[in-house]
Amino acid sequence: MDATAVRFDTPIPGDLLPAFTWHNARGKTRNLKYIVDGRLERSVSLQGFCRLTSESPDTLDGLVDSVQ
């Protein structure tokens, strides 16, 4: 499977945070919560067992490509 390696040294610009969406096993889609002035104030909306929607990996891939 082709995949982008996980990196923890690349900051995500605040204007991209609202673009990330997840869906759970039941198909319910959700966005990040607690974004204030381009900063993620709480990590609770990242917790759980969810998968990124098909648009979100494209956004991350573009970000990783621009850093390399």
N, C-alpha and C. Protein backbone atom coordinates (compact mmCIF):
# COMPACT_ATOMS: atom_id res chain seq x y z
N MET A 1 0.84 -1.17 0.00
CA MET A 1 0.00 0.00 0.00
C MET A 1 0.89 1.23 0.00
N ASP A 2 0.63 2.18 -0.88
CA ASP A 2 1.35 3.45 -0.88
C ASP A 2 0.82 4.31 0.26
N ALA A 3 1.74 4.88 1.00
CA ALA A 3 1.33 5.73 2.12
C ALA A 3 2.43 6.73 2.41
N THR A 4 2.04 7.82 3.02
CA THR A 4 2.99 8.84 3.46
C THR A 4 3.45 8.46 4.86
N ALA A 5 4.74 8.54 5.10
CA ALA A 5 5.28 8.21 6.41
C ALA A 5 4.75 9.18 7.46
N VAL A 6 4.55 8.67 8.67
CA VAL A 6 4.11 9.52 9.78
C VAL A 6 5.28 10.39 10.21
N ARG A 7 5.00 11.69 10.32
CA ARG A 7 6.02 12.64 10.78
C ARG A 7 5.44 13.49 11.88
N PHE A 8 6.23 13.77 12.88
CA PHE A 8 5.77 14.58 14.00
C PHE A 8 6.51 15.90 14.07
N ASP A 9 7.33 16.20 13.06
CA ASP A 9 8.12 17.43 13.09
C ASP A 9 7.60 18.48 12.11
N THR A 10 6.43 18.26 11.52
CA THR A 10 5.88 19.20 10.56
C THR A 10 4.66 19.89 11.16
N PRO A 11 4.77 21.18 11.44
CA PRO A 11 3.60 21.88 11.99
C PRO A 11 2.50 22.02 10.93
N ILE A 12 1.26 21.95 11.35
CA ILE A 12 0.12 22.12 10.47
C ILE A 12 -0.32 23.58 10.56
N PRO A 13 -0.35 24.29 9.45
CA PRO A 13 -0.82 25.69 9.48
C PRO A 13 -2.25 25.77 10.02
N GLY A 14 -2.51 26.77 10.82
CA GLY A 14 -3.82 26.92 11.45
C GLY A 14 -4.97 27.03 10.48
N ASP A 15 -4.72 27.58 9.29
CA ASP A 15 -5.82 27.71 8.33
C ASP A 15 -6.22 26.37 7.71
N LEU A 16 -5.37 25.33 7.86
CA LEU A 16 -5.72 24.01 7.34
C LEU A 16 -6.50 23.16 8.35
N LEU A 17 -6.44 23.50 9.61
CA LEU A 17 -7.08 22.68 10.64
C LEU A 17 -8.58 22.46 10.40
N PRO A 18 -9.35 23.47 10.03
CA PRO A 18 -10.79 23.23 9.81
C PRO A 18 -11.06 22.33 8.60
N ALA A 19 -10.10 22.11 7.74
CA ALA A 19 -10.31 21.29 6.54
C ALA A 19 -10.28 19.79 6.84
N PHE A 20 -9.77 19.39 7.97
CA PHE A 20 -9.68 17.97 8.30
C PHE A 20 -10.99 17.45 8.85
N THR A 21 -11.47 16.36 8.27
CA THR A 21 -12.70 15.71 8.73
C THR A 21 -12.46 14.22 8.87
N TRP A 22 -13.17 13.62 9.83
CA TRP A 22 -13.07 12.20 10.11
C TRP A 22 -14.44 11.57 10.01
N HIS A 23 -14.46 10.25 9.83
CA HIS A 23 -15.72 9.52 9.95
C HIS A 23 -15.48 8.27 10.78
N ASN A 24 -16.50 7.93 11.54
CA ASN A 24 -16.38 6.75 12.40
C ASN A 24 -16.98 5.54 11.70
N ALA A 25 -17.03 4.42 12.38
CA ALA A 25 -17.52 3.17 11.79
C ALA A 25 -18.99 3.26 11.38
N ARG A 26 -19.73 4.13 12.03
CA ARG A 26 -21.14 4.31 11.69
C ARG A 26 -21.35 5.28 10.53
N GLY A 27 -20.26 5.88 10.06
CA GLY A 27 -20.36 6.80 8.93
C GLY A 27 -20.60 8.24 9.32
N LYS A 28 -20.63 8.55 10.61
CA LYS A 28 -20.83 9.93 11.05
C LYS A 28 -19.54 10.72 10.84
N THR A 29 -19.66 11.88 10.21
CA THR A 29 -18.51 12.72 9.92
C THR A 29 -18.40 13.83 10.96
N ARG A 30 -17.17 14.14 11.35
CA ARG A 30 -16.96 15.25 12.29
C ARG A 30 -15.70 16.02 11.95
N ASN A 31 -15.66 17.25 12.40
CA ASN A 31 -14.50 18.13 12.21
C ASN A 31 -13.79 18.32 13.54
N LEU A 32 -12.65 18.96 13.47
CA LEU A 32 -11.95 19.32 14.70
C LEU A 32 -12.74 20.38 15.43
N LYS A 33 -12.74 20.28 16.74
CA LYS A 33 -13.37 21.29 17.59
C LYS A 33 -12.26 22.04 18.32
N TYR A 34 -12.61 23.12 18.92
CA TYR A 34 -11.71 23.89 19.78
C TYR A 34 -10.55 24.51 19.01
N ILE A 35 -10.82 25.00 17.81
CA ILE A 35 -9.82 25.75 17.04
C ILE A 35 -10.08 27.22 17.31
N VAL A 36 -9.08 27.88 17.89
CA VAL A 36 -9.20 29.30 18.24
C VAL A 36 -8.01 30.03 17.63
N ASP A 37 -8.30 30.99 16.77
CA ASP A 37 -7.25 31.79 16.13
C ASP A 37 -6.18 30.91 15.46
N GLY A 38 -6.62 29.85 14.79
CA GLY A 38 -5.68 28.99 14.06
C GLY A 38 -4.89 28.03 14.93
N ARG A 39 -5.29 27.91 16.18
CA ARG A 39 -4.60 26.99 17.10
C ARG A 39 -5.58 25.98 17.64
N LEU A 40 -5.13 24.74 17.75
CA LEU A 40 -5.95 23.70 18.36
C LEU A 40 -5.78 23.82 19.87
N GLU A 41 -6.83 24.28 20.55
CA GLU A 41 -6.75 24.55 21.99
C GLU A 41 -6.86 23.28 22.84
N ARG A 42 -7.61 22.29 22.35
CA ARG A 42 -7.78 21.03 23.08
C ARG A 42 -7.62 19.88 22.10
N SER A 43 -7.01 18.82 22.54
CA SER A 43 -6.79 17.67 21.66
C SER A 43 -7.90 16.64 21.74
N VAL A 44 -8.92 16.90 22.54
CA VAL A 44 -9.98 15.91 22.74
C VAL A 44 -10.68 15.54 21.43
N SER A 45 -10.76 16.45 20.47
CA SER A 45 -11.43 16.12 19.21
C SER A 45 -10.57 15.25 18.30
N LEU A 46 -9.33 14.98 18.70
CA LEU A 46 -8.46 14.06 17.96
C LEU A 46 -8.54 12.64 18.51
N GLN A 47 -9.20 12.47 19.64
CA GLN A 47 -9.25 11.17 20.30
C GLN A 47 -10.39 10.33 19.73
N GLY A 48 -10.19 9.04 19.73
CA GLY A 48 -11.21 8.12 19.27
C GLY A 48 -10.73 7.29 18.10
N PHE A 49 -11.59 6.42 17.63
CA PHE A 49 -11.27 5.54 16.51
C PHE A 49 -12.01 6.03 15.28
N CYS A 50 -11.37 6.88 14.53
CA CYS A 50 -11.98 7.45 13.33
C CYS A 50 -10.95 7.43 12.20
N ARG A 51 -11.45 7.52 10.99
CA ARG A 51 -10.59 7.58 9.80
C ARG A 51 -10.77 8.92 9.13
N LEU A 52 -9.68 9.42 8.58
CA LEU A 52 -9.80 10.66 7.82
C LEU A 52 -10.69 10.43 6.61
N THR A 53 -11.48 11.44 6.26
CA THR A 53 -12.27 11.34 5.04
C THR A 53 -11.33 11.43 3.85
N SER A 54 -11.80 11.14 2.68
CA SER A 54 -10.94 11.04 1.50
C SER A 54 -10.28 12.37 1.13
N GLU A 55 -10.85 13.49 1.51
CA GLU A 55 -10.26 14.79 1.18
C GLU A 55 -9.10 15.15 2.10
N SER A 56 -9.15 14.73 3.34
CA SER A 56 -8.14 15.12 4.32
C SER A 56 -6.74 14.60 4.01
N PRO A 57 -6.56 13.35 3.59
CA PRO A 57 -5.21 12.90 3.25
C PRO A 57 -4.59 13.68 2.10
N ASP A 58 -5.41 14.13 1.14
CA ASP A 58 -4.88 14.95 0.05
C ASP A 58 -4.32 16.25 0.58
N THR A 59 -5.00 16.84 1.56
CA THR A 59 -4.52 18.08 2.18
C THR A 59 -3.21 17.84 2.90
N LEU A 60 -3.12 16.75 3.66
CA LEU A 60 -1.87 16.42 4.37
C LEU A 60 -0.75 16.10 3.41
N ASP A 61 -1.06 15.38 2.34
CA ASP A 61 -0.04 15.03 1.36
C ASP A 61 0.56 16.28 0.72
N GLY A 62 -0.29 17.25 0.40
CA GLY A 62 0.20 18.50 -0.17
C GLY A 62 1.09 19.24 0.82
N LEU A 63 0.75 19.20 2.09
CA LEU A 63 1.56 19.86 3.10
C LEU A 63 2.93 19.19 3.23
N VAL A 64 2.96 17.87 3.27
CA VAL A 64 4.22 17.12 3.41
C VAL A 64 5.10 17.35 2.18
N ASP A 65 4.49 17.34 1.00
CA ASP A 65 5.26 17.58 -0.23
C ASP A 65 5.87 18.95 -0.26
N SER A 66 5.18 19.95 0.29
CA SER A 66 5.71 21.31 0.27
C SER A 66 6.87 21.50 1.24
N VAL A 67 6.95 20.65 2.27
CA VAL A 67 8.01 20.75 3.27
C VAL A 67 9.28 20.05 2.80
N GLN A 68 9.11 18.97 2.03
CA GLN A 68 10.29 18.17 1.62
C GLN A 68 11.11 18.85 0.60
